[in-house]
């Protein structure tokens, strides 16, 4: 088994455990409070609207928007880490069939793993910072994922074409 394959498999398992651990932490310590805030802000918004209090309703809808934004990011992070971990593992299983030099395959594996870690991390940081840095981090991670997958696909296609020629 090559070092690149081991990196993808071990990295995928570690990332899956990390994502599940994060999801467990979020479910136990933060999700119920977030859902309570979402429900309370919607209730206040509807109550304000029924009383024709536009200011109260508007403020409550802004609280709902911010609470829902944070909740969505937290859930996205957990699911993205686990989903990308599964892709790392599946790709790792057949990675030795990629037709590139060992060093190139190792760099592909590093880029793929780095992207799988950075993309959700950038999404998570968007909860705390609405500036450009977290978005740049998420975009960089997703670009690493896309580029790595394209190159891995090319390497698999090269491997298949060399098999069919022989």
N, C-alpha and C. Protein backbone atom coordinates (compact mmCIF):
# COMPACT_ATOMS: atom_id res chain seq x y z
N UNK A 1 0.85 -1.17 0.00
CA UNK A 1 0.00 0.00 0.00
C UNK A 1 0.90 1.24 0.00
N UNK A 2 0.60 2.18 -0.89
CA UNK A 2 1.43 3.38 -1.01
C UNK A 2 1.17 4.35 0.14
N UNK A 3 2.12 5.25 0.32
CA UNK A 3 1.97 6.27 1.36
C UNK A 3 0.80 7.19 1.09
N UNK A 4 0.56 7.52 -0.18
CA UNK A 4 -0.56 8.38 -0.54
C UNK A 4 -1.89 7.70 -0.20
N UNK A 5 -1.97 6.42 -0.48
CA UNK A 5 -3.20 5.68 -0.16
C UNK A 5 -3.41 5.62 1.35
N UNK A 6 -2.35 5.35 2.09
CA UNK A 6 -2.45 5.33 3.55
C UNK A 6 -2.89 6.69 4.09
N UNK A 7 -2.35 7.76 3.51
CA UNK A 7 -2.72 9.11 3.94
C UNK A 7 -4.21 9.37 3.72
N UNK A 8 -4.72 8.98 2.56
CA UNK A 8 -6.14 9.19 2.28
C UNK A 8 -7.03 8.37 3.21
N UNK A 9 -6.66 7.10 3.41
CA UNK A 9 -7.48 6.25 4.28
C UNK A 9 -7.43 6.70 5.73
N UNK A 10 -6.23 6.94 6.24
CA UNK A 10 -6.11 7.39 7.64
C UNK A 10 -6.71 8.78 7.82
N UNK A 11 -6.46 9.67 6.86
CA UNK A 11 -7.04 11.01 6.93
C UNK A 11 -8.55 10.98 6.86
N UNK A 12 -9.10 10.12 6.01
CA UNK A 12 -10.55 9.99 5.91
C UNK A 12 -11.17 9.46 7.19
N UNK A 13 -10.54 8.47 7.79
CA UNK A 13 -11.06 7.93 9.06
C UNK A 13 -10.96 8.98 10.16
N UNK A 14 -9.82 9.67 10.23
CA UNK A 14 -9.65 10.71 11.24
C UNK A 14 -10.66 11.85 11.05
N UNK A 15 -10.88 12.25 9.80
CA UNK A 15 -11.82 13.33 9.53
C UNK A 15 -13.25 12.90 9.84
N UNK A 16 -13.59 11.65 9.57
CA UNK A 16 -14.92 11.14 9.91
C UNK A 16 -15.12 11.16 11.42
N UNK A 17 -14.12 10.71 12.16
CA UNK A 17 -14.22 10.74 13.63
C UNK A 17 -14.34 12.17 14.14
N UNK A 18 -13.54 13.08 13.55
CA UNK A 18 -13.60 14.49 13.94
C UNK A 18 -15.00 15.06 13.67
N UNK A 19 -15.53 14.79 12.48
CA UNK A 19 -16.85 15.30 12.12
C UNK A 19 -17.95 14.74 13.02
N UNK A 20 -17.86 13.44 13.32
CA UNK A 20 -18.86 12.85 14.21
C UNK A 20 -18.72 13.40 15.63
N UNK A 21 -17.48 13.59 16.08
CA UNK A 21 -17.27 14.18 17.40
C UNK A 21 -17.81 15.59 17.48
N UNK A 22 -17.56 16.36 16.43
CA UNK A 22 -18.07 17.73 16.39
C UNK A 22 -19.60 17.73 16.38
N UNK A 23 -20.18 16.83 15.58
CA UNK A 23 -21.64 16.72 15.53
C UNK A 23 -22.23 16.33 16.88
N UNK A 24 -21.57 15.42 17.57
CA UNK A 24 -22.04 15.02 18.90
C UNK A 24 -21.95 16.19 19.87
N UNK A 25 -20.82 16.88 19.85
CA UNK A 25 -20.67 18.06 20.73
C UNK A 25 -21.77 19.07 20.43
N UNK A 26 -22.00 19.35 19.15
CA UNK A 26 -23.00 20.35 18.78
C UNK A 26 -24.39 19.91 19.22
N UNK A 27 -24.73 18.65 18.99
CA UNK A 27 -26.06 18.15 19.36
C UNK A 27 -26.29 18.22 20.87
N UNK A 28 -25.26 17.91 21.64
CA UNK A 28 -25.42 17.87 23.09
C UNK A 28 -25.38 19.26 23.72
N UNK A 29 -24.46 20.11 23.26
CA UNK A 29 -24.22 21.37 23.96
C UNK A 29 -24.75 22.63 23.29
N UNK A 30 -25.08 22.59 22.01
CA UNK A 30 -25.43 23.85 21.34
C UNK A 30 -26.71 23.80 20.51
N UNK A 31 -27.06 22.67 19.95
CA UNK A 31 -28.17 22.64 19.00
C UNK A 31 -29.51 23.01 19.63
N UNK A 32 -29.78 22.52 20.82
CA UNK A 32 -31.08 22.80 21.44
C UNK A 32 -31.25 24.29 21.72
N UNK A 33 -30.17 24.95 22.14
CA UNK A 33 -30.25 26.38 22.38
C UNK A 33 -30.47 27.14 21.07
N UNK A 34 -29.81 26.69 20.00
CA UNK A 34 -29.98 27.33 18.69
C UNK A 34 -31.42 27.16 18.20
N UNK A 35 -31.97 25.96 18.34
CA UNK A 35 -33.34 25.72 17.90
C UNK A 35 -34.34 26.50 18.75
N UNK A 36 -34.05 26.63 20.02
CA UNK A 36 -34.90 27.43 20.91
C UNK A 36 -34.90 28.89 20.47
N UNK A 37 -33.74 29.42 20.13
CA UNK A 37 -33.64 30.81 19.67
C UNK A 37 -34.38 31.00 18.34
N UNK A 38 -34.25 30.04 17.44
CA UNK A 38 -34.96 30.12 16.16
C UNK A 38 -36.47 30.14 16.38
N UNK A 39 -36.96 29.21 17.20
CA UNK A 39 -38.40 29.15 17.48
C UNK A 39 -38.92 30.37 18.20
N UNK A 40 -38.17 30.85 19.19
CA UNK A 40 -38.60 32.02 19.96
C UNK A 40 -38.63 33.27 19.09
N UNK A 41 -37.64 33.43 18.23
CA UNK A 41 -37.63 34.62 17.37
C UNK A 41 -38.77 34.58 16.35
N UNK A 42 -39.09 33.41 15.82
CA UNK A 42 -40.22 33.30 14.90
C UNK A 42 -41.54 33.57 15.62
N UNK A 43 -41.68 33.04 16.81
CA UNK A 43 -42.88 33.27 17.60
C UNK A 43 -43.06 34.76 17.89
N UNK A 44 -41.98 35.42 18.27
CA UNK A 44 -42.03 36.86 18.55
C UNK A 44 -42.35 37.64 17.28
N UNK A 45 -41.80 37.23 16.16
CA UNK A 45 -42.07 37.92 14.89
C UNK A 45 -43.54 37.79 14.50
N UNK A 46 -44.10 36.59 14.63
CA UNK A 46 -45.51 36.40 14.29
C UNK A 46 -46.42 37.14 15.27
N UNK A 47 -46.05 37.11 16.53
CA UNK A 47 -46.82 37.83 17.54
C UNK A 47 -46.80 39.33 17.27
N UNK A 48 -45.63 39.85 16.95
CA UNK A 48 -45.52 41.27 16.61
C UNK A 48 -46.32 41.63 15.37
N UNK A 49 -46.29 40.75 14.39
CA UNK A 49 -47.07 41.00 13.17
C UNK A 49 -48.56 40.99 13.48
N UNK A 50 -49.02 40.06 14.32
CA UNK A 50 -50.43 39.99 14.68
C UNK A 50 -50.87 41.24 15.45
N UNK A 51 -49.95 41.81 16.21
CA UNK A 51 -50.26 43.03 16.98
C UNK A 51 -49.97 44.29 16.18
N UNK A 52 -49.57 44.12 14.93
CA UNK A 52 -49.22 45.21 14.02
C UNK A 52 -48.07 46.06 14.57
N UNK A 53 -47.14 45.38 15.21
CA UNK A 53 -45.94 46.05 15.74
C UNK A 53 -44.77 45.71 14.80
N UNK A 54 -44.60 46.56 13.81
CA UNK A 54 -43.60 46.30 12.78
C UNK A 54 -42.18 46.29 13.35
N UNK A 55 -41.90 47.14 14.30
CA UNK A 55 -40.55 47.20 14.88
C UNK A 55 -40.21 45.90 15.60
N UNK A 56 -41.13 45.42 16.42
CA UNK A 56 -40.89 44.17 17.16
C UNK A 56 -40.76 43.00 16.19
N UNK A 57 -41.64 42.95 15.21
CA UNK A 57 -41.60 41.87 14.24
C UNK A 57 -40.32 41.91 13.42
N UNK A 58 -39.91 43.09 12.99
CA UNK A 58 -38.68 43.24 12.21
C UNK A 58 -37.45 42.83 12.99
N UNK A 59 -37.37 43.26 14.26
CA UNK A 59 -36.22 42.91 15.10
C UNK A 59 -36.16 41.39 15.34
N UNK A 60 -37.33 40.79 15.54
CA UNK A 60 -37.38 39.35 15.76
C UNK A 60 -36.98 38.59 14.50
N UNK A 61 -37.38 39.08 13.34
CA UNK A 61 -36.99 38.42 12.09
C UNK A 61 -35.49 38.54 11.84
N UNK A 62 -34.88 39.65 12.24
CA UNK A 62 -33.43 39.78 12.14
C UNK A 62 -32.72 38.78 13.07
N UNK A 63 -33.26 38.61 14.29
CA UNK A 63 -32.70 37.61 15.21
C UNK A 63 -32.85 36.20 14.62
N UNK A 64 -34.01 35.93 13.99
CA UNK A 64 -34.23 34.64 13.35
C UNK A 64 -33.20 34.42 12.24
N UNK A 65 -33.00 35.43 11.41
CA UNK A 65 -32.07 35.32 10.29
C UNK A 65 -30.67 34.97 10.78
N UNK A 66 -30.19 35.68 11.81
CA UNK A 66 -28.84 35.43 12.34
C UNK A 66 -28.76 34.05 13.01
N UNK A 67 -29.77 33.67 13.76
CA UNK A 67 -29.79 32.36 14.43
C UNK A 67 -29.82 31.23 13.41
N UNK A 68 -30.62 31.39 12.37
CA UNK A 68 -30.72 30.36 11.34
C UNK A 68 -29.43 30.26 10.54
N UNK A 69 -28.78 31.40 10.29
CA UNK A 69 -27.50 31.41 9.59
C UNK A 69 -26.46 30.61 10.37
N UNK A 70 -26.37 30.86 11.66
CA UNK A 70 -25.41 30.15 12.51
C UNK A 70 -25.75 28.66 12.58
N UNK A 71 -27.02 28.34 12.76
CA UNK A 71 -27.44 26.95 12.83
C UNK A 71 -27.10 26.20 11.54
N UNK A 72 -27.41 26.81 10.39
CA UNK A 72 -27.12 26.16 9.12
C UNK A 72 -25.63 25.91 8.94
N UNK A 73 -24.80 26.87 9.31
CA UNK A 73 -23.35 26.70 9.16
C UNK A 73 -22.84 25.56 10.05
N UNK A 74 -23.33 25.51 11.28
CA UNK A 74 -22.89 24.46 12.21
C UNK A 74 -23.26 23.07 11.68
N UNK A 75 -24.47 22.93 11.18
CA UNK A 75 -24.91 21.63 10.65
C UNK A 75 -24.15 21.31 9.36
N UNK A 76 -23.92 22.32 8.51
CA UNK A 76 -23.17 22.10 7.27
C UNK A 76 -21.75 21.61 7.55
N UNK A 77 -21.10 22.21 8.53
CA UNK A 77 -19.72 21.84 8.86
C UNK A 77 -19.65 20.37 9.24
N UNK A 78 -20.50 19.96 10.13
CA UNK A 78 -20.53 18.58 10.60
C UNK A 78 -20.76 17.61 9.44
N UNK A 79 -21.74 17.90 8.61
CA UNK A 79 -22.06 16.98 7.51
C UNK A 79 -20.99 17.01 6.42
N UNK A 80 -20.39 18.18 6.16
CA UNK A 80 -19.35 18.25 5.14
C UNK A 80 -18.10 17.48 5.57
N UNK A 81 -17.70 17.63 6.83
CA UNK A 81 -16.53 16.89 7.28
C UNK A 81 -16.74 15.38 7.11
N UNK A 82 -17.90 14.91 7.50
CA UNK A 82 -18.16 13.47 7.40
C UNK A 82 -18.30 13.03 5.94
N UNK A 83 -19.01 13.79 5.14
CA UNK A 83 -19.18 13.45 3.73
C UNK A 83 -17.85 13.44 2.98
N UNK A 84 -17.03 14.46 3.21
CA UNK A 84 -15.72 14.50 2.55
C UNK A 84 -14.82 13.38 3.06
N UNK A 85 -14.96 13.01 4.31
CA UNK A 85 -14.19 11.89 4.85
C UNK A 85 -14.54 10.60 4.10
N UNK A 86 -15.82 10.40 3.83
CA UNK A 86 -16.24 9.21 3.09
C UNK A 86 -15.65 9.21 1.67
N UNK A 87 -15.62 10.39 1.05
CA UNK A 87 -15.03 10.48 -0.29
C UNK A 87 -13.54 10.16 -0.22
N UNK A 88 -12.84 10.67 0.80
CA UNK A 88 -11.42 10.37 0.97
C UNK A 88 -11.19 8.87 1.08
N UNK A 89 -12.03 8.21 1.85
CA UNK A 89 -11.88 6.76 2.05
C UNK A 89 -12.14 6.00 0.75
N UNK A 90 -13.19 6.36 0.05
CA UNK A 90 -13.53 5.66 -1.21
C UNK A 90 -12.42 5.87 -2.24
N UNK A 91 -11.95 7.11 -2.37
CA UNK A 91 -10.86 7.38 -3.32
C UNK A 91 -9.59 6.67 -2.87
N UNK A 92 -9.36 6.64 -1.56
CA UNK A 92 -8.17 5.97 -1.03
C UNK A 92 -8.14 4.49 -1.36
N UNK A 93 -9.29 3.86 -1.41
CA UNK A 93 -9.36 2.43 -1.70
C UNK A 93 -8.80 2.12 -3.09
N UNK A 94 -9.09 2.98 -4.05
CA UNK A 94 -8.63 2.71 -5.42
C UNK A 94 -7.47 3.62 -5.84
N UNK A 95 -6.86 4.31 -4.90
CA UNK A 95 -5.87 5.33 -5.25
C UNK A 95 -4.60 4.76 -5.88
N UNK A 96 -4.26 3.54 -5.56
CA UNK A 96 -3.06 2.96 -6.16
C UNK A 96 -3.22 2.71 -7.66
N UNK A 97 -4.44 2.79 -8.17
CA UNK A 97 -4.67 2.62 -9.61
C UNK A 97 -4.50 3.93 -10.38
N UNK A 98 -4.31 5.03 -9.68
CA UNK A 98 -4.10 6.32 -10.34
C UNK A 98 -2.73 6.30 -11.02
N UNK A 99 -2.70 6.67 -12.29
CA UNK A 99 -1.49 6.55 -13.10
C UNK A 99 -0.67 7.84 -13.07
N UNK A 100 -0.02 8.08 -11.95
CA UNK A 100 0.93 9.19 -11.80
C UNK A 100 2.14 8.68 -11.04
N UNK A 101 3.21 9.47 -11.04
CA UNK A 101 4.37 9.12 -10.23
C UNK A 101 4.00 9.17 -8.76
N UNK A 102 4.75 8.42 -7.93
CA UNK A 102 4.44 8.34 -6.50
C UNK A 102 4.41 9.72 -5.84
N UNK A 103 5.38 10.55 -6.19
CA UNK A 103 5.45 11.88 -5.59
C UNK A 103 4.23 12.73 -5.97
N UNK A 104 3.81 12.64 -7.22
CA UNK A 104 2.62 13.37 -7.69
C UNK A 104 1.38 12.87 -6.95
N UNK A 105 1.28 11.56 -6.80
CA UNK A 105 0.14 10.99 -6.09
C UNK A 105 0.12 11.43 -4.63
N UNK A 106 1.29 11.54 -4.02
CA UNK A 106 1.35 12.00 -2.64
C UNK A 106 0.88 13.45 -2.52
N UNK A 107 1.31 14.29 -3.45
CA UNK A 107 0.87 15.69 -3.44
C UNK A 107 -0.63 15.80 -3.70
N UNK A 108 -1.16 14.95 -4.56
CA UNK A 108 -2.61 14.92 -4.79
C UNK A 108 -3.35 14.53 -3.52
N UNK A 109 -2.84 13.53 -2.84
CA UNK A 109 -3.47 13.08 -1.59
C UNK A 109 -3.42 14.19 -0.53
N UNK A 110 -2.29 14.86 -0.43
CA UNK A 110 -2.16 15.96 0.54
C UNK A 110 -3.13 17.08 0.21
N UNK A 111 -3.22 17.45 -1.07
CA UNK A 111 -4.15 18.50 -1.48
C UNK A 111 -5.60 18.12 -1.24
N UNK A 112 -5.91 16.88 -1.51
CA UNK A 112 -7.28 16.39 -1.32
C UNK A 112 -7.66 16.41 0.15
N UNK A 113 -6.77 15.93 1.00
CA UNK A 113 -7.01 15.92 2.44
C UNK A 113 -7.06 17.35 3.00
N UNK A 114 -6.16 18.20 2.56
CA UNK A 114 -6.15 19.59 3.03
C UNK A 114 -7.45 20.30 2.64
N UNK A 115 -7.91 20.08 1.42
CA UNK A 115 -9.16 20.69 0.99
C UNK A 115 -10.35 20.20 1.81
N UNK A 116 -10.35 18.91 2.13
CA UNK A 116 -11.44 18.33 2.92
C UNK A 116 -11.47 18.90 4.34
N UNK A 117 -10.33 19.33 4.83
CA UNK A 117 -10.28 19.94 6.17
C UNK A 117 -10.58 21.44 6.10
N UNK A 118 -10.01 22.12 5.11
CA UNK A 118 -10.13 23.58 5.04
C UNK A 118 -11.51 24.07 4.63
N UNK A 119 -12.15 23.39 3.70
CA UNK A 119 -13.45 23.85 3.23
C UNK A 119 -14.46 23.97 4.38
N UNK A 120 -14.72 22.91 5.15
CA UNK A 120 -15.67 23.05 6.26
C UNK A 120 -15.18 24.02 7.35
N UNK A 121 -13.87 24.07 7.55
CA UNK A 121 -13.34 24.99 8.55
C UNK A 121 -13.64 26.44 8.17
N UNK A 122 -13.51 26.76 6.89
CA UNK A 122 -13.86 28.10 6.42
C UNK A 122 -15.34 28.40 6.63
N UNK A 123 -16.19 27.39 6.41
CA UNK A 123 -17.63 27.56 6.64
C UNK A 123 -17.89 27.80 8.13
N UNK A 124 -17.19 27.06 8.99
CA UNK A 124 -17.35 27.24 10.44
C UNK A 124 -16.93 28.64 10.87
N UNK A 125 -15.83 29.13 10.34
CA UNK A 125 -15.35 30.46 10.72
C UNK A 125 -16.30 31.56 10.27
N UNK A 126 -17.17 31.29 9.29
CA UNK A 126 -18.15 32.29 8.86
C UNK A 126 -19.15 32.62 9.97
N UNK A 127 -19.29 31.73 10.93
CA UNK A 127 -20.18 31.99 12.07
C UNK A 127 -19.61 33.12 12.92
N UNK A 128 -18.31 33.17 13.05
CA UNK A 128 -17.66 34.12 13.95
C UNK A 128 -17.16 35.38 13.24
N UNK A 129 -16.92 35.29 11.94
CA UNK A 129 -16.38 36.41 11.19
C UNK A 129 -17.09 36.47 9.84
N UNK A 130 -17.81 37.56 9.59
CA UNK A 130 -18.54 37.69 8.33
C UNK A 130 -17.70 38.37 7.25
N UNK A 131 -16.43 38.52 7.51
CA UNK A 131 -15.52 39.15 6.55
C UNK A 131 -15.09 38.19 5.45
N UNK A 132 -14.13 38.62 4.65
CA UNK A 132 -13.72 37.81 3.49
C UNK A 132 -12.82 36.62 3.83
N UNK A 133 -12.08 36.66 4.93
CA UNK A 133 -11.11 35.61 5.23
C UNK A 133 -11.74 34.21 5.34
N UNK A 134 -12.83 34.04 6.09
CA UNK A 134 -13.43 32.70 6.14
C UNK A 134 -13.93 32.22 4.77
N UNK A 135 -14.45 33.14 3.99
CA UNK A 135 -14.93 32.76 2.65
C UNK A 135 -13.75 32.35 1.76
N UNK A 136 -12.65 33.08 1.87
CA UNK A 136 -11.45 32.74 1.10
C UNK A 136 -10.96 31.35 1.49
N UNK A 137 -10.97 31.06 2.80
CA UNK A 137 -10.55 29.75 3.29
C UNK A 137 -11.46 28.65 2.73
N UNK A 138 -12.78 28.87 2.77
CA UNK A 138 -13.72 27.88 2.25
C UNK A 138 -13.56 27.69 0.74
N UNK A 139 -13.37 28.79 0.02
CA UNK A 139 -13.20 28.71 -1.43
C UNK A 139 -11.89 27.99 -1.78
N UNK A 140 -10.83 28.30 -1.04
CA UNK A 140 -9.54 27.64 -1.27
C UNK A 140 -9.66 26.13 -1.02
N UNK A 141 -10.32 25.76 0.08
CA UNK A 141 -10.52 24.34 0.37
C UNK A 141 -11.33 23.64 -0.70
N UNK A 142 -12.41 24.28 -1.15
CA UNK A 142 -13.22 23.63 -2.19
C UNK A 142 -12.47 23.58 -3.52
N UNK A 143 -11.66 24.60 -3.81
CA UNK A 143 -10.86 24.56 -5.05
C UNK A 143 -9.84 23.43 -4.99
N UNK A 144 -9.23 23.22 -3.82
CA UNK A 144 -8.30 22.10 -3.67
C UNK A 144 -9.02 20.77 -3.90
N UNK A 145 -10.23 20.66 -3.38
CA UNK A 145 -11.01 19.44 -3.57
C UNK A 145 -11.31 19.20 -5.05
N UNK A 146 -11.78 20.23 -5.71
CA UNK A 146 -12.16 20.10 -7.11
C UNK A 146 -10.94 19.77 -7.97
N UNK A 147 -9.86 20.51 -7.78
CA UNK A 147 -8.64 20.29 -8.57
C UNK A 147 -8.09 18.88 -8.32
N UNK A 148 -8.05 18.48 -7.07
CA UNK A 148 -7.54 17.14 -6.75
C UNK A 148 -8.40 16.06 -7.38
N UNK A 149 -9.73 16.20 -7.26
CA UNK A 149 -10.62 15.19 -7.86
C UNK A 149 -10.48 15.14 -9.37
N UNK A 150 -10.34 16.29 -10.01
CA UNK A 150 -10.14 16.30 -11.47
C UNK A 150 -8.85 15.59 -11.86
N UNK A 151 -7.78 15.87 -11.13
CA UNK A 151 -6.51 15.22 -11.45
C UNK A 151 -6.53 13.73 -11.13
N UNK A 152 -7.19 13.35 -10.06
CA UNK A 152 -7.31 11.93 -9.73
C UNK A 152 -8.12 11.22 -10.81
N UNK A 153 -9.18 11.85 -11.28
CA UNK A 153 -9.98 11.28 -12.36
C UNK A 153 -9.14 11.12 -13.63
N UNK A 154 -8.33 12.13 -13.92
CA UNK A 154 -7.42 12.04 -15.07
C UNK A 154 -6.45 10.87 -14.90
N UNK A 155 -5.89 10.73 -13.70
CA UNK A 155 -4.97 9.62 -13.43
C UNK A 155 -5.64 8.26 -13.56
N UNK A 156 -6.90 8.16 -13.13
CA UNK A 156 -7.63 6.90 -13.29
C UNK A 156 -7.94 6.64 -14.76
N UNK A 157 -8.28 7.70 -15.50
CA UNK A 157 -8.54 7.53 -16.94
C UNK A 157 -7.28 7.10 -17.67
N UNK A 158 -6.14 7.68 -17.31
CA UNK A 158 -4.86 7.27 -17.92
C UNK A 158 -4.57 5.82 -17.62
N UNK A 159 -4.88 5.41 -16.40
CA UNK A 159 -4.64 4.02 -16.01
C UNK A 159 -5.54 3.08 -16.83
N UNK A 160 -6.79 3.46 -17.03
CA UNK A 160 -7.71 2.63 -17.80
C UNK A 160 -7.31 2.58 -19.27
N UNK A 161 -6.84 3.72 -19.82
CA UNK A 161 -6.46 3.71 -21.23
C UNK A 161 -5.20 2.87 -21.46
N UNK A 162 -4.30 2.85 -20.49
CA UNK A 162 -3.10 2.02 -20.65
C UNK A 162 -3.44 0.54 -20.52
N UNK A 163 -4.46 0.22 -19.74
CA UNK A 163 -4.89 -1.17 -19.61
C UNK A 163 -5.57 -1.63 -20.90
N UNK A 164 -6.40 -0.76 -21.49
CA UNK A 164 -7.13 -1.16 -22.70
C UNK A 164 -6.21 -1.25 -23.91
N UNK A 165 -5.07 -0.54 -23.90
CA UNK A 165 -4.12 -0.64 -25.02
C UNK A 165 -3.30 -1.93 -24.96
N UNK A 166 -3.16 -2.52 -23.78
CA UNK A 166 -2.33 -3.71 -23.68
C UNK A 166 -3.09 -4.97 -23.89
